[in-house]
Each structure stands twice: as structure tokens, then as C-alpha cells.
PDB file of N, CA and C in Angstrom:
ATOM      1  N   MET A   1      -0.927   5.072   7.778  1.00  0.00           N
ATOM      2  CA  MET A   1      -1.825   4.082   8.319  1.00  0.00           C
ATOM      3  C   MET A   1      -2.729   3.585   7.199  1.00  0.00           C
ATOM      4  N   LEU A   2      -2.755   2.290   6.994  1.00  0.00           N
ATOM      5  CA  LEU A   2      -3.656   1.709   6.001  1.00  0.00           C
ATOM      6  C   LEU A   2      -5.082   1.685   6.529  1.00  0.00           C
ATOM      7  N   PHE A   3      -5.231   1.253   7.780  1.00  0.00           N
ATOM      8  CA  PHE A   3      -6.552   1.247   8.401  1.00  0.00           C
ATOM      9  C   PHE A   3      -6.401   0.997   9.891  1.00  0.00           C
ATOM     10  N   SER A   4      -7.444   1.347  10.635  1.00  0.00           N
ATOM     11  CA  SER A   4      -7.544   1.056  12.057  1.00  0.00           C
ATOM     12  C   SER A   4      -8.978   0.611  12.306  1.00  0.00           C
ATOM     13  N   ASP A   5      -9.263  -0.662  12.047  1.00  0.00           N
ATOM     14  CA  ASP A   5     -10.630  -1.179  12.114  1.00  0.00           C
ATOM     15  C   ASP A   5     -11.059  -1.612  13.506  1.00  0.00           C
ATOM     16  N   PHE A   6     -10.134  -1.732  14.435  1.00  0.00           N
ATOM     17  CA  PHE A   6     -10.482  -2.111  15.806  1.00  0.00           C
ATOM     18  C   PHE A   6     -11.369  -1.052  16.447  1.00  0.00           C
ATOM     19  N   ASP A   7     -11.010   0.219  16.239  1.00  0.00           N
ATOM     20  CA  ASP A   7     -11.741   1.340  16.849  1.00  0.00           C
ATOM     21  C   ASP A   7     -13.151   1.495  16.288  1.00  0.00           C
ATOM     22  N   THR A   8     -13.343   1.083  15.034  1.00  0.00           N
ATOM     23  CA  THR A   8     -14.615   1.333  14.356  1.00  0.00           C
ATOM     24  C   THR A   8     -15.396   0.054  14.059  1.00  0.00           C
ATOM     25  N   ASP A   9     -14.936  -1.079  14.566  1.00  0.00           N
ATOM     26  CA  ASP A   9     -15.539  -2.379  14.251  1.00  0.00           C
ATOM     27  C   ASP A   9     -15.620  -2.598  12.746  1.00  0.00           C
ATOM     28  N   GLY A  10     -14.566  -2.204  12.042  1.00  0.00           N
ATOM     29  CA  GLY A  10     -14.492  -2.349  10.597  1.00  0.00           C
ATOM     30  C   GLY A  10     -14.342  -3.800  10.168  1.00  0.00           C
ATOM     31  N   GLU A  11     -14.462  -4.029   8.852  1.00  0.00           N
ATOM     32  CA  GLU A  11     -14.498  -5.385   8.312  1.00  0.00           C
ATOM     33  C   GLU A  11     -13.207  -6.172   8.514  1.00  0.00           C
ATOM     34  N   MET A  12     -12.060  -5.506   8.573  1.00  0.00           N
ATOM     35  CA  MET A  12     -10.803  -6.241   8.781  1.00  0.00           C
ATOM     36  C   MET A  12     -10.762  -6.855  10.183  1.00  0.00           C
ATOM     37  N   TRP A  13     -11.456  -6.230  11.145  1.00  0.00           N
ATOM     38  CA  TRP A  13     -11.488  -6.714  12.522  1.00  0.00           C
ATOM     39  C   TRP A  13     -12.666  -7.648  12.779  1.00  0.00           C
ATOM     40  N   THR A  14     -13.815  -7.358  12.209  1.00  0.00           N
ATOM     41  CA  THR A  14     -15.022  -8.133  12.526  1.00  0.00           C
ATOM     42  C   THR A  14     -15.417  -9.119  11.436  1.00  0.00           C
ATOM     43  N   GLY A  15     -14.884  -8.975  10.223  1.00  0.00           N
ATOM     44  CA  GLY A  15     -15.313  -9.791   9.097  1.00  0.00           C
ATOM     45  C   GLY A  15     -14.631 -11.147   9.024  1.00  0.00           C
ATOM     46  N   ASP A  16     -15.114 -11.949   8.088  1.00  0.00           N
ATOM     47  CA  ASP A  16     -14.537 -13.251   7.768  1.00  0.00           C
ATOM     48  C   ASP A  16     -14.423 -13.357   6.259  1.00  0.00           C
ATOM     49  N   GLY A  17     -13.590 -14.297   5.805  1.00  0.00           N
ATOM     50  CA  GLY A  17     -13.450 -14.507   4.372  1.00  0.00           C
ATOM     51  C   GLY A  17     -12.534 -13.476   3.730  1.00  0.00           C
ATOM     52  N   LYS A  18     -12.619 -13.373   2.407  1.00  0.00           N
ATOM     53  CA  LYS A  18     -11.759 -12.451   1.658  1.00  0.00           C
ATOM     54  C   LYS A  18     -12.156 -11.006   1.943  1.00  0.00           C
ATOM     55  N   ARG A  19     -11.136 -10.197   2.303  1.00  0.00           N
ATOM     56  CA  ARG A  19     -11.330  -8.773   2.543  1.00  0.00           C
ATOM     57  C   ARG A  19     -10.171  -8.010   1.939  1.00  0.00           C
ATOM     58  N   THR A  20     -10.462  -6.875   1.334  1.00  0.00           N
ATOM     59  CA  THR A  20      -9.436  -6.077   0.655  1.00  0.00           C
ATOM     60  C   THR A  20      -9.607  -4.609   1.013  1.00  0.00           C
ATOM     61  N   ARG A  21      -8.490  -3.927   1.204  1.00  0.00           N
ATOM     62  CA  ARG A  21      -8.496  -2.480   1.411  1.00  0.00           C
ATOM     63  C   ARG A  21      -7.545  -1.887   0.379  1.00  0.00           C
ATOM     64  N   ARG A  22      -7.985  -0.828  -0.322  1.00  0.00           N
ATOM     65  CA  ARG A  22      -7.185  -0.145  -1.343  1.00  0.00           C
ATOM     66  C   ARG A  22      -6.971   1.307  -0.938  1.00  0.00           C
ATOM     67  N   ILE A  23      -5.717   1.748  -1.014  1.00  0.00           N
ATOM     68  CA  ILE A  23      -5.357   3.119  -0.657  1.00  0.00           C
ATOM     69  C   ILE A  23      -4.593   3.733  -1.819  1.00  0.00           C
ATOM     70  N   ALA A  24      -5.118   4.813  -2.375  1.00  0.00           N
ATOM     71  CA  ALA A  24      -4.458   5.508  -3.485  1.00  0.00           C
ATOM     72  C   ALA A  24      -3.306   6.356  -2.952  1.00  0.00           C
ATOM     73  N   VAL A  25      -2.179   6.315  -3.658  1.00  0.00           N
ATOM     74  CA  VAL A  25      -1.000   7.109  -3.313  1.00  0.00           C
ATOM     75  C   VAL A  25      -0.626   7.942  -4.532  1.00  0.00           C
ATOM     76  N   ALA A  26      -0.487   9.258  -4.338  1.00  0.00           N
ATOM     77  CA  ALA A  26      -0.047  10.153  -5.406  1.00  0.00           C
ATOM     78  C   ALA A  26       1.391  10.587  -5.118  1.00  0.00           C
ATOM     79  N   PHE A  27       2.260  10.485  -6.117  1.00  0.00           N
ATOM     80  CA  PHE A  27       3.642  10.938  -5.951  1.00  0.00           C
ATOM     81  C   PHE A  27       3.663  12.464  -5.885  1.00  0.00           C
ATOM     82  N   SER A  28       4.626  13.025  -5.168  1.00  0.00           N
ATOM     83  CA  SER A  28       4.727  14.485  -5.047  1.00  0.00           C
ATOM     84  C   SER A  28       5.071  15.133  -6.386  1.00  0.00           C
ATOM     85  N   GLU A  29       5.743  14.398  -7.249  1.00  0.00           N
ATOM     86  CA  GLU A  29       5.972  14.825  -8.627  1.00  0.00           C
ATOM     87  C   GLU A  29       6.005  13.578  -9.503  1.00  0.00           C
ATOM     88  N   PRO A  30       5.555  13.692 -10.740  1.00  0.00           N
ATOM     89  CA  PRO A  30       5.489  12.488 -11.580  1.00  0.00           C
ATOM     90  C   PRO A  30       6.878  12.005 -12.005  1.00  0.00           C
ATOM     91  N   PHE A  31       6.965  10.707 -12.235  1.00  0.00           N
ATOM     92  CA  PHE A  31       8.166  10.111 -12.792  1.00  0.00           C
ATOM     93  C   PHE A  31       8.128  10.229 -14.311  1.00  0.00           C
ATOM     94  N   LYS A  32       9.272  10.067 -14.962  1.00  0.00           N
ATOM     95  CA  LYS A  32       9.339  10.107 -16.428  1.00  0.00           C
ATOM     96  C   LYS A  32       8.668   8.890 -17.059  1.00  0.00           C
ATOM     97  N   ALA A  33       8.681   7.776 -16.351  1.00  0.00           N
ATOM     98  CA  ALA A  33       8.073   6.522 -16.802  1.00  0.00           C
ATOM     99  C   ALA A  33       7.562   5.794 -15.555  1.00  0.00           C
ATOM    100  N   VAL A  34       6.937   4.673 -15.758  1.00  0.00           N
ATOM    101  CA  VAL A  34       6.416   3.906 -14.619  1.00  0.00           C
ATOM    102  C   VAL A  34       7.585   3.473 -13.727  1.00  0.00           C
ATOM    103  N   PRO A  35       7.577   3.865 -12.446  1.00  0.00           N
ATOM    104  CA  PRO A  35       8.678   3.495 -11.557  1.00  0.00           C
ATOM    105  C   PRO A  35       8.499   2.088 -10.994  1.00  0.00           C
ATOM    106  N   SER A  36       9.545   1.594 -10.378  1.00  0.00           N
ATOM    107  CA  SER A  36       9.457   0.370  -9.586  1.00  0.00           C
ATOM    108  C   SER A  36       8.992   0.772  -8.191  1.00  0.00           C
ATOM    109  N   VAL A  37       8.003   0.070  -7.660  1.00  0.00           N
ATOM    110  CA  VAL A  37       7.444   0.417  -6.347  1.00  0.00           C
ATOM    111  C   VAL A  37       7.515  -0.801  -5.437  1.00  0.00           C
ATOM    112  N   MET A  38       7.986  -0.576  -4.204  1.00  0.00           N
ATOM    113  CA  MET A  38       8.032  -1.614  -3.195  1.00  0.00           C
ATOM    114  C   MET A  38       7.173  -1.172  -2.014  1.00  0.00           C
ATOM    115  N   VAL A  39       6.306  -2.046  -1.548  1.00  0.00           N
ATOM    116  CA  VAL A  39       5.467  -1.784  -0.379  1.00  0.00           C
ATOM    117  C   VAL A  39       5.810  -2.809   0.687  1.00  0.00           C
ATOM    118  N   THR A  40       5.923  -2.365   1.919  1.00  0.00           N
ATOM    119  CA  THR A  40       6.202  -3.279   3.017  1.00  0.00           C
ATOM    120  C   THR A  40       5.340  -2.927   4.214  1.00  0.00           C
ATOM    121  N   LEU A  41       4.955  -3.928   4.983  1.00  0.00           N
ATOM    122  CA  LEU A  41       4.208  -3.673   6.206  1.00  0.00           C
ATOM    123  C   LEU A  41       5.150  -3.107   7.255  1.00  0.00           C
ATOM    124  N   GLU A  42       4.743  -2.034   7.850  1.00  0.00           N
ATOM    125  CA  GLU A  42       5.525  -1.382   8.889  1.00  0.00           C
ATOM    126  C   GLU A  42       5.019  -1.782  10.277  1.00  0.00           C
ATOM    127  N   MET A  43       3.699  -2.014  10.371  1.00  0.00           N
ATOM    128  CA  MET A  43       3.087  -2.414  11.635  1.00  0.00           C
ATOM    129  C   MET A  43       1.856  -3.253  11.323  1.00  0.00           C
ATOM    130  N   LEU A  44       1.660  -4.320  12.081  1.00  0.00           N
ATOM    131  CA  LEU A  44       0.498  -5.180  11.920  1.00  0.00           C
ATOM    132  C   LEU A  44       0.024  -5.579  13.310  1.00  0.00           C
ATOM    133  N   ASP A  45      -1.170  -5.146  13.671  1.00  0.00           N
ATOM    134  CA  ASP A  45      -1.774  -5.464  14.960  1.00  0.00           C
ATOM    135  C   ASP A  45      -2.863  -6.500  14.685  1.00  0.00           C
ATOM    136  N   ILE A  46      -2.621  -7.747  15.095  1.00  0.00           N
ATOM    137  CA  ILE A  46      -3.458  -8.863  14.670  1.00  0.00           C
ATOM    138  C   ILE A  46      -3.875  -9.713  15.875  1.00  0.00           C
ATOM    139  N   ASP A  47      -5.084 -10.228  15.836  1.00  0.00           N
ATOM    140  CA  ASP A  47      -5.625 -11.067  16.909  1.00  0.00           C
ATOM    141  C   ASP A  47      -4.851 -12.386  16.975  1.00  0.00           C
ATOM    142  N   ASN A  48      -4.506 -12.810  18.173  1.00  0.00           N
ATOM    143  CA  ASN A  48      -3.719 -14.040  18.324  1.00  0.00           C
ATOM    144  C   ASN A  48      -4.583 -15.303  18.387  1.00  0.00           C
ATOM    145  N   ARG A  49      -5.906 -15.173  18.281  1.00  0.00           N
ATOM    146  CA  ARG A  49      -6.782 -16.344  18.353  1.00  0.00           C
ATOM    147  C   ARG A  49      -7.131 -16.910  16.979  1.00  0.00           C
ATOM    148  N   SER A  50      -6.553 -16.332  15.929  1.00  0.00           N
ATOM    149  CA  SER A  50      -6.829 -16.827  14.578  1.00  0.00           C
ATOM    150  C   SER A  50      -5.522 -16.911  13.799  1.00  0.00           C
ATOM    151  N   ASN A  51      -5.573 -17.542  12.642  1.00  0.00           N
ATOM    152  CA  ASN A  51      -4.388 -17.630  11.790  1.00  0.00           C
ATOM    153  C   ASN A  51      -4.030 -16.248  11.256  1.00  0.00           C
ATOM    154  N   HIS A  52      -2.747 -16.039  11.041  1.00  0.00           N
ATOM    155  CA  HIS A  52      -2.254 -14.756  10.537  1.00  0.00           C
ATOM    156  C   HIS A  52      -2.087 -14.841   9.026  1.00  0.00           C
ATOM    157  N   ARG A  53      -2.943 -14.131   8.299  1.00  0.00           N
ATOM    158  CA  ARG A  53      -2.900 -14.126   6.838  1.00  0.00           C
ATOM    159  C   ARG A  53      -2.953 -12.678   6.369  1.00  0.00           C
ATOM    160  N   ALA A  54      -1.958 -12.249   5.608  1.00  0.00           N
ATOM    161  CA  ALA A  54      -1.946 -10.877   5.101  1.00  0.00           C
ATOM    162  C   ALA A  54      -1.077 -10.804   3.853  1.00  0.00           C
ATOM    163  N   GLU A  55      -1.499  -9.958   2.932  1.00  0.00           N
ATOM    164  CA  GLU A  55      -0.735  -9.688   1.716  1.00  0.00           C
ATOM    165  C   GLU A  55      -0.808  -8.196   1.450  1.00  0.00           C
ATOM    166  N   THR A  56       0.323  -7.592   1.126  1.00  0.00           N
ATOM    167  CA  THR A  56       0.370  -6.166   0.785  1.00  0.00           C
ATOM    168  C   THR A  56       1.149  -6.027  -0.518  1.00  0.00           C
ATOM    169  N   VAL A  57       0.529  -5.394  -1.518  1.00  0.00           N
ATOM    170  CA  VAL A  57       1.160  -5.234  -2.828  1.00  0.00           C
ATOM    171  C   VAL A  57       0.869  -3.835  -3.386  1.00  0.00           C
ATOM    172  N   ALA A  58       1.661  -3.463  -4.388  1.00  0.00           N
ATOM    173  CA  ALA A  58       1.422  -2.235  -5.156  1.00  0.00           C
ATOM    174  C   ALA A  58       0.770  -2.638  -6.470  1.00  0.00           C
ATOM    175  N   GLU A  59      -0.332  -1.974  -6.833  1.00  0.00           N
ATOM    176  CA  GLU A  59      -1.026  -2.236  -8.091  1.00  0.00           C
ATOM    177  C   GLU A  59      -1.308  -0.921  -8.799  1.00  0.00           C
ATOM    178  N   ASP A  60      -1.672  -1.017 -10.066  1.00  0.00           N
ATOM    179  CA  ASP A  60      -2.068   0.155 -10.867  1.00  0.00           C
ATOM    180  C   ASP A  60      -0.998   1.251 -10.828  1.00  0.00           C
ATOM    181  N   ILE A  61       0.264   0.850 -11.009  1.00  0.00           N
ATOM    182  CA  ILE A  61       1.381   1.809 -10.927  1.00  0.00           C
ATOM    183  C   ILE A  61       1.443   2.631 -12.215  1.00  0.00           C
ATOM    184  N   THR A  62       1.487   3.948 -12.050  1.00  0.00           N
ATOM    185  CA  THR A  62       1.645   4.888 -13.160  1.00  0.00           C
ATOM    186  C   THR A  62       2.743   5.879 -12.785  1.00  0.00           C
ATOM    187  N   PRO A  63       3.169   6.741 -13.713  1.00  0.00           N
ATOM    188  CA  PRO A  63       4.143   7.771 -13.350  1.00  0.00           C
ATOM    189  C   PRO A  63       3.623   8.749 -12.291  1.00  0.00           C
ATOM    190  N   GLU A  64       2.301   8.812 -12.095  1.00  0.00           N
ATOM    191  CA  GLU A  64       1.702   9.758 -11.149  1.00  0.00           C
ATOM    192  C   GLU A  64       1.407   9.161  -9.775  1.00  0.00           C
ATOM    193  N   GLY A  65       1.325   7.835  -9.671  1.00  0.00           N
ATOM    194  CA  GLY A  65       1.002   7.229  -8.381  1.00  0.00           C
ATOM    195  C   GLY A  65       0.707   5.751  -8.512  1.00  0.00           C
ATOM    196  N   PHE A  66       0.135   5.165  -7.452  1.00  0.00           N
ATOM    197  CA  PHE A  66      -0.175   3.743  -7.436  1.00  0.00           C
ATOM    198  C   PHE A  66      -1.210   3.480  -6.346  1.00  0.00           C
ATOM    199  N   THR A  67      -1.620   2.233  -6.225  1.00  0.00           N
ATOM    200  CA  THR A  67      -2.564   1.823  -5.195  1.00  0.00           C
ATOM    201  C   THR A  67      -1.921   0.775  -4.301  1.00  0.00           C
ATOM    202  N   ILE A  68      -1.949   1.011  -2.980  1.00  0.00           N
ATOM    203  CA  ILE A  68      -1.541  -0.013  -2.024  1.00  0.00           C
ATOM    204  C   ILE A  68      -2.753  -0.908  -1.816  1.00  0.00           C
ATOM    205  N   VAL A  69      -2.557  -2.209  -1.970  1.00  0.00           N
ATOM    206  CA  VAL A  69      -3.642  -3.170  -1.780  1.00  0.00           C
ATOM    207  C   VAL A  69      -3.259  -4.088  -0.622  1.00  0.00           C
ATOM    208  N   PHE A  70      -4.125  -4.118   0.391  1.00  0.00           N
ATOM    209  CA  PHE A  70      -3.938  -4.994   1.548  1.00  0.00           C
ATOM    210  C   PHE A  70      -5.055  -6.029   1.519  1.00  0.00           C
ATOM    211  N   ARG A  71      -4.682  -7.301   1.634  1.00  0.00           N
ATOM    212  CA  ARG A  71      -5.664  -8.383   1.611  1.00  0.00           C
ATOM    213  C   ARG A  71      -5.480  -9.294   2.816  1.00  0.00           C
ATOM    214  N   THR A  72      -6.602  -9.817   3.288  1.00  0.00           N
ATOM    215  CA  THR A  72      -6.593 -10.895   4.264  1.00  0.00           C
ATOM    216  C   THR A  72      -7.748 -11.828   3.927  1.00  0.00           C
ATOM    217  N   TRP A  73      -7.788 -12.988   4.555  1.00  0.00           N
ATOM    218  CA  TRP A  73      -8.821 -13.976   4.238  1.00  0.00           C
ATOM    219  C   TRP A  73      -9.001 -14.915   5.422  1.00  0.00           C
ATOM    220  N   GLY A  74     -10.000 -15.783   5.308  1.00  0.00           N
ATOM    221  CA  GLY A  74     -10.267 -16.761   6.359  1.00  0.00           C
ATOM    222  C   GLY A  74     -10.772 -16.096   7.624  1.00  0.00           C
ATOM    223  N   ASP A  75     -10.336 -16.624   8.772  1.00  0.00           N
ATOM    224  CA  ASP A  75     -10.803 -16.104  10.061  1.00  0.00           C
ATOM    225  C   ASP A  75      -9.850 -15.074  10.672  1.00  0.00           C
ATOM    226  N   THR A  76      -8.894 -14.582   9.904  1.00  0.00           N
ATOM    227  CA  THR A  76      -7.914 -13.610  10.388  1.00  0.00           C
ATOM    228  C   THR A  76      -8.606 -12.328  10.827  1.00  0.00           C
ATOM    229  N   LYS A  77      -8.217 -11.811  11.981  1.00  0.00           N
ATOM    230  CA  LYS A  77      -8.765 -10.569  12.531  1.00  0.00           C
ATOM    231  C   LYS A  77      -7.617  -9.573  12.675  1.00  0.00           C
ATOM    232  N   ILE A  78      -7.674  -8.474  11.911  1.00  0.00           N
ATOM    233  CA  ILE A  78      -6.615  -7.476  11.933  1.00  0.00           C
ATOM    234  C   ILE A  78      -7.176  -6.168  12.476  1.00  0.00           C
ATOM    235  N   ALA A  79      -6.591  -5.710  13.573  1.00  0.00           N
ATOM    236  CA  ALA A  79      -7.046  -4.477  14.213  1.00  0.00           C
ATOM    237  C   ALA A  79      -6.596  -3.252  13.427  1.00  0.00           C
ATOM    238  N   ARG A  80      -5.327  -3.230  13.048  1.00  0.00           N
ATOM    239  CA  ARG A  80      -4.795  -2.089  12.291  1.00  0.00           C
ATOM    240  C   ARG A  80      -3.519  -2.496  11.579  1.00  0.00           C
ATOM    241  N   ALA A  81      -3.215  -1.740  10.527  1.00  0.00           N
ATOM    242  CA  ALA A  81      -2.003  -2.008   9.747  1.00  0.00           C
ATOM    243  C   ALA A  81      -1.454  -0.691   9.213  1.00  0.00           C
ATOM    244  N   ARG A  82      -0.140  -0.637   9.124  1.00  0.00           N
ATOM    245  CA  ARG A  82       0.548   0.536   8.562  1.00  0.00           C
ATOM    246  C   ARG A  82       1.579   0.020   7.571  1.00  0.00           C
ATOM    247  N   ALA A  83       1.766   0.740   6.474  1.00  0.00           N
ATOM    248  CA  ALA A  83       2.717   0.332   5.438  1.00  0.00           C
ATOM    249  C   ALA A  83       3.634   1.492   5.079  1.00  0.00           C
ATOM    250  N   SER A  84       4.780   1.141   4.550  1.00  0.00           N
ATOM    251  CA  SER A  84       5.722   2.102   3.975  1.00  0.00           C
ATOM    252  C   SER A  84       5.933   1.714   2.520  1.00  0.00           C
ATOM    253  N   TRP A  85       6.350   2.669   1.710  1.00  0.00           N
ATOM    254  CA  TRP A  85       6.607   2.369   0.306  1.00  0.00           C
ATOM    255  C   TRP A  85       7.801   3.172  -0.184  1.00  0.00           C
ATOM    256  N   MET A  86       8.368   2.681  -1.288  1.00  0.00           N
ATOM    257  CA  MET A  86       9.474   3.372  -1.938  1.00  0.00           C
ATOM    258  C   MET A  86       9.300   3.205  -3.443  1.00  0.00           C
ATOM    259  N   ALA A  87       9.431   4.297  -4.169  1.00  0.00           N
ATOM    260  CA  ALA A  87       9.343   4.274  -5.627  1.00  0.00           C
ATOM    261  C   ALA A  87      10.685   4.705  -6.199  1.00  0.00           C
ATOM    262  N   ILE A  88      11.166   3.975  -7.201  1.00  0.00           N
ATOM    263  CA  ILE A  88      12.462   4.273  -7.818  1.00  0.00           C
ATOM    264  C   ILE A  88      12.268   4.416  -9.321  1.00  0.00           C
ATOM    265  N   GLY A  89      12.740   5.534  -9.850  1.00  0.00           N
ATOM    266  CA  GLY A  89      12.641   5.781 -11.283  1.00  0.00           C
ATOM    267  C   GLY A  89      13.180   7.163 -11.611  1.00  0.00           C
ATOM    268  N   GLY A  90      13.232   7.468 -12.911  1.00  0.00           N
ATOM    269  CA  GLY A  90      13.748   8.755 -13.356  1.00  0.00           C
ATOM    270  C   GLY A  90      12.726   9.870 -13.171  1.00  0.00           C
ATOM    271  N   VAL A  91      13.219  11.054 -12.802  1.00  0.00           N
ATOM    272  CA  VAL A  91      12.378  12.242 -12.671  1.00  0.00           C
ATOM    273  C   VAL A  91      13.006  13.377 -13.462  1.00  0.00           C
ATOM    274  N   GLU A  92      12.214  14.364 -13.785  1.00  0.00           N
ATOM    275  CA  GLU A  92      12.724  15.550 -14.467  1.00  0.00           C
ATOM    276  C   GLU A  92      13.598  16.349 -13.506  1.00  0.00           C
ATOM    277  N   ALA A  93      14.631  16.986 -14.048  1.00  0.00           N
ATOM    278  CA  ALA A  93      15.522  17.806 -13.232  1.00  0.00           C
ATOM    279  C   ALA A  93      15.911  19.050 -14.015  1.00  0.00           C
ATOM    280  N   GLU A  94      16.192  20.130 -13.303  1.00  0.00           N
ATOM    281  CA  GLU A  94      16.572  21.386 -13.951  1.00  0.00           C
ATOM    282  C   GLU A  94      17.823  21.232 -14.809  1.00  0.00           C
ATOM    283  N   ASP A  95      18.733  20.385 -14.406  1.00  0.00           N
ATOM    284  CA  ASP A  95      19.990  20.216 -15.155  1.00  0.00           C
ATOM    285  C   ASP A  95      19.940  19.024 -16.102  1.00  0.00           C
ATOM    286  N   ASN A  96      18.753  18.687 -16.592  1.00  0.00           N
ATOM    287  CA  ASN A  96      18.590  17.592 -17.531  1.00  0.00           C
ATOM    288  C   ASN A  96      19.014  18.073 -18.918  1.00  0.00           C
ATOM    289  N   TRP A  97      20.255  17.812 -19.291  1.00  0.00           N
ATOM    290  CA  TRP A  97      20.827  18.313 -20.541  1.00  0.00           C
ATOM    291  C   TRP A  97      20.208  17.647 -21.751  1.00  0.00           C
ATOM    292  N   ASP A  98      19.665  16.454 -21.612  1.00  0.00           N
ATOM    293  CA  ASP A  98      19.069  15.757 -22.750  1.00  0.00           C
ATOM    294  C   ASP A  98      17.922  16.556 -23.352  1.00  0.00           C
ATOM    295  N   ASP A  99      17.213  17.323 -22.564  1.00  0.00           N
ATOM    296  CA  ASP A  99      16.077  18.097 -23.061  1.00  0.00           C
ATOM    297  C   ASP A  99      16.486  19.445 -23.620  1.00  0.00           C
ATOM    298  N   MET A 100      17.746  19.849 -23.476  1.00  0.00           N
ATOM    299  CA  MET A 100      18.205  21.155 -23.921  1.00  0.00           C
ATOM    300  C   MET A 100      18.585  21.155 -25.402  1.00  0.00           C
ATOM    301  N   TYR A 101      18.939  20.005 -25.950  1.00  0.00           N
ATOM    302  CA  TYR A 101      19.446  19.968 -27.329  1.00  0.00           C
ATOM    303  C   TYR A 101      18.617  19.073 -28.197  1.00  0.00           C
TER     304      TYR A 101
END
């Protein structure tokens, strides 16, 4: 869950203009180099009386983790949002022969 602002009268639900939410994600084990990361919205609960504006991206990607950034703007009212992500890259393995010689 990225946020649930409906329950708490948070800024994504009650605010106007540019609003941003950042969520840090740590990988369970580090990658050998910066991986490719894809973020997608899994659920978006949005008010039907305003325009629907939303952007979800991955920023600050390192071998150890990244930040999910969710943005909205204008009069958009978002009650809650959930995202999924996938990271692809090389990881260390016990049978990594390149490191043995």
C-alpha cells in the first residue's frame, strides 16, 4: 500500500495542486549493479468528481533499493493507492564461478 489518505484525511484526499508521496524500498539482497526497476499501479481508489491524474515512477535506484514516487496534481482526489514493482539484474550466487578464479 502506498497510502490510504481517505481514512486519515491525508493530503492526497483533501489537498489540491501538486502532491507527492515517496516510499523507500529495500531489496532483500543487493544486486551486483543498478537493476532495472518497473513500478505499476495495482489499485487506485479515486474520486469521480474530479479529473484523474496520477504518475508512479521509480527513482534513486541503487543496488540496495529504490524509491517509489507517486504524484498527483490539480483537483484530483485519491483515497488510496497500491503499487507493485519488479527489479531485474544480476545477483551474487553460490555457484558464481567467475569469482572463484
